[in-house]
PDB file of N, CA and C in Angstrom:
ATOM      1  N   MET A   1     127.167  28.917-196.953  1.00  0.00           N
ATOM      2  CA  MET A   1     127.730  28.884-195.623  1.00  0.00           C
ATOM      3  C   MET A   1     127.435  30.250-194.963  1.00  0.00           C
ATOM      4  N   ASP A   2     126.837  30.211-193.790  1.00  0.00           N
ATOM      5  CA  ASP A   2     126.543  31.459-193.089  1.00  0.00           C
ATOM      6  C   ASP A   2     127.598  31.718-192.008  1.00  0.00           C
ATOM      7  N   LEU A   3     127.497  32.860-191.369  1.00  0.00           N
ATOM      8  CA  LEU A   3     128.491  33.261-190.378  1.00  0.00           C
ATOM      9  C   LEU A   3     128.578  32.286-189.206  1.00  0.00           C
ATOM     10  N   LYS A   4     127.462  31.723-188.811  1.00  0.00           N
ATOM     11  CA  LYS A   4     127.460  30.753-187.700  1.00  0.00           C
ATOM     12  C   LYS A   4     128.310  29.537-188.056  1.00  0.00           C
ATOM     13  N   GLN A   5     128.162  29.037-189.262  1.00  0.00           N
ATOM     14  CA  GLN A   5     128.944  27.879-189.700  1.00  0.00           C
ATOM     15  C   GLN A   5     130.426  28.217-189.802  1.00  0.00           C
ATOM     16  N   VAL A   6     130.721  29.430-190.267  1.00  0.00           N
ATOM     17  CA  VAL A   6     132.114  29.854-190.379  1.00  0.00           C
ATOM     18  C   VAL A   6     132.755  29.876-188.997  1.00  0.00           C
ATOM     19  N   ARG A   7     132.056  30.443-188.015  1.00  0.00           N
ATOM     20  CA  ARG A   7     132.598  30.509-186.653  1.00  0.00           C
ATOM     21  C   ARG A   7     132.790  29.116-186.056  1.00  0.00           C
ATOM     22  N   GLU A   8     131.832  28.229-186.262  1.00  0.00           N
ATOM     23  CA  GLU A   8     131.947  26.863-185.739  1.00  0.00           C
ATOM     24  C   GLU A   8     133.144  26.143-186.349  1.00  0.00           C
ATOM     25  N   THR A   9     133.322  26.298-187.651  1.00  0.00           N
ATOM     26  CA  THR A   9     134.455  25.666-188.334  1.00  0.00           C
ATOM     27  C   THR A   9     135.772  26.246-187.831  1.00  0.00           C
ATOM     28  N   ALA A  10     135.802  27.564-187.659  1.00  0.00           N
ATOM     29  CA  ALA A  10     137.020  28.213-187.154  1.00  0.00           C
ATOM     30  C   ALA A  10     137.348  27.742-185.746  1.00  0.00           C
ATOM     31  N   ARG A  11     136.342  27.596-184.885  1.00  0.00           N
ATOM     32  CA  ARG A  11     136.591  27.118-183.518  1.00  0.00           C
ATOM     33  C   ARG A  11     137.190  25.721-183.526  1.00  0.00           C
ATOM     34  N   GLU A  12     136.700  24.869-184.424  1.00  0.00           N
ATOM     35  CA  GLU A  12     137.230  23.506-184.508  1.00  0.00           C
ATOM     36  C   GLU A  12     138.690  23.527-184.973  1.00  0.00           C
ATOM     37  N   LYS A  13     138.970  24.313-186.010  1.00  0.00           N
ATOM     38  CA  LYS A  13     140.308  24.332-186.580  1.00  0.00           C
ATOM     39  C   LYS A  13     141.312  25.080-185.718  1.00  0.00           C
ATOM     40  N   LEU A  14     140.862  26.071-184.966  1.00  0.00           N
ATOM     41  CA  LEU A  14     141.753  26.885-184.154  1.00  0.00           C
ATOM     42  C   LEU A  14     141.692  26.529-182.672  1.00  0.00           C
ATOM     43  N   LYS A  15     141.137  25.380-182.354  1.00  0.00           N
ATOM     44  CA  LYS A  15     140.998  24.972-180.962  1.00  0.00           C
ATOM     45  C   LYS A  15     142.349  24.998-180.257  1.00  0.00           C
ATOM     46  N   GLY A  16     142.368  25.690-179.131  1.00  0.00           N
ATOM     47  CA  GLY A  16     143.605  25.813-178.379  1.00  0.00           C
ATOM     48  C   GLY A  16     144.418  27.041-178.747  1.00  0.00           C
ATOM     49  N   TYR A  17     144.114  27.658-179.883  1.00  0.00           N
ATOM     50  CA  TYR A  17     144.853  28.836-180.331  1.00  0.00           C
ATOM     51  C   TYR A  17     144.011  30.093-180.279  1.00  0.00           C
ATOM     52  N   CYS A  18     142.726  29.970-180.579  1.00  0.00           N
ATOM     53  CA  CYS A  18     141.856  31.133-180.678  1.00  0.00           C
ATOM     54  C   CYS A  18     140.442  30.716-180.292  1.00  0.00           C
ATOM     55  N   ARG A  19     139.731  31.632-179.634  1.00  0.00           N
ATOM     56  CA  ARG A  19     138.351  31.355-179.217  1.00  0.00           C
ATOM     57  C   ARG A  19     137.327  31.846-180.227  1.00  0.00           C
ATOM     58  N   VAL A  20     137.790  32.491-181.281  1.00  0.00           N
ATOM     59  CA  VAL A  20     136.934  33.012-182.348  1.00  0.00           C
ATOM     60  C   VAL A  20     135.810  33.862-181.742  1.00  0.00           C
ATOM     61  N   CYS A  21     136.207  34.857-180.993  1.00  0.00           N
ATOM     62  CA  CYS A  21     135.252  35.775-180.365  1.00  0.00           C
ATOM     63  C   CYS A  21     134.574  36.645-181.422  1.00  0.00           C
ATOM     64  N   PRO A  22     133.342  37.068-181.173  1.00  0.00           N
ATOM     65  CA  PRO A  22     132.669  37.963-182.120  1.00  0.00           C
ATOM     66  C   PRO A  22     133.449  39.261-182.337  1.00  0.00           C
ATOM     67  N   VAL A  23     134.083  39.752-181.279  1.00  0.00           N
ATOM     68  CA  VAL A  23     134.918  40.948-181.384  1.00  0.00           C
ATOM     69  C   VAL A  23     136.286  40.579-180.830  1.00  0.00           C
ATOM     70  N   CYS A  24     137.292  40.618-181.685  1.00  0.00           N
ATOM     71  CA  CYS A  24     138.637  40.250-181.261  1.00  0.00           C
ATOM     72  C   CYS A  24     139.295  41.471-180.617  1.00  0.00           C
ATOM     73  N   ASP A  25     139.128  41.602-179.292  1.00  0.00           N
ATOM     74  CA  ASP A  25     139.701  42.739-178.587  1.00  0.00           C
ATOM     75  C   ASP A  25     140.700  42.318-177.504  1.00  0.00           C
ATOM     76  N   GLY A  26     140.986  41.028-177.394  1.00  0.00           N
ATOM     77  CA  GLY A  26     141.972  40.548-176.440  1.00  0.00           C
ATOM     78  C   GLY A  26     141.474  40.400-175.019  1.00  0.00           C
ATOM     79  N   ARG A  27     140.221  40.667-174.767  1.00  0.00           N
ATOM     80  CA  ARG A  27     139.696  40.577-173.394  1.00  0.00           C
ATOM     81  C   ARG A  27     139.440  39.139-172.963  1.00  0.00           C
ATOM     82  N   ALA A  28     138.827  38.342-173.816  1.00  0.00           N
ATOM     83  CA  ALA A  28     138.502  36.959-173.461  1.00  0.00           C
ATOM     84  C   ALA A  28     139.753  36.099-173.335  1.00  0.00           C
ATOM     85  N   CYS A  29     140.811  36.465-174.054  1.00  0.00           N
ATOM     86  CA  CYS A  29     142.027  35.651-174.054  1.00  0.00           C
ATOM     87  C   CYS A  29     143.204  36.392-173.425  1.00  0.00           C
ATOM     88  N   ALA A  30     142.924  37.316-172.543  1.00  0.00           N
ATOM     89  CA  ALA A  30     143.989  38.078-171.892  1.00  0.00           C
ATOM     90  C   ALA A  30     144.959  37.144-171.169  1.00  0.00           C
ATOM     91  N   GLY A  31     146.236  37.341-171.385  1.00  0.00           N
ATOM     92  CA  GLY A  31     147.252  36.514-170.754  1.00  0.00           C
ATOM     93  C   GLY A  31     147.550  35.232-171.498  1.00  0.00           C
ATOM     94  N   GLU A  32     146.878  35.013-172.601  1.00  0.00           N
ATOM     95  CA  GLU A  32     147.091  33.814-173.425  1.00  0.00           C
ATOM     96  C   GLU A  32     147.578  34.253-174.791  1.00  0.00           C
ATOM     97  N   VAL A  33     147.931  33.298-175.624  1.00  0.00           N
ATOM     98  CA  VAL A  33     148.277  33.596-177.004  1.00  0.00           C
ATOM     99  C   VAL A  33     147.011  33.371-177.816  1.00  0.00           C
ATOM    100  N   PRO A  34     146.581  34.258-178.638  1.00  0.00           N
ATOM    101  CA  PRO A  34     147.231  35.457-179.133  1.00  0.00           C
ATOM    102  C   PRO A  34     146.974  36.706-178.309  1.00  0.00           C
ATOM    103  N   GLY A  35     146.156  36.648-177.262  1.00  0.00           N
ATOM    104  CA  GLY A  35     145.755  37.777-176.437  1.00  0.00           C
ATOM    105  C   GLY A  35     146.845  38.691-176.096  1.00  0.00           C
TER     106      GLY A  35
END
């Protein structure tokens, strides 16, 4: 399993909770949870 597959799986499982950004810095999800 490579990093691309891990991210795709995480996006499916965390849909609605997390965008699985390459860098989790709170910018893409500002004003949302977990942002």
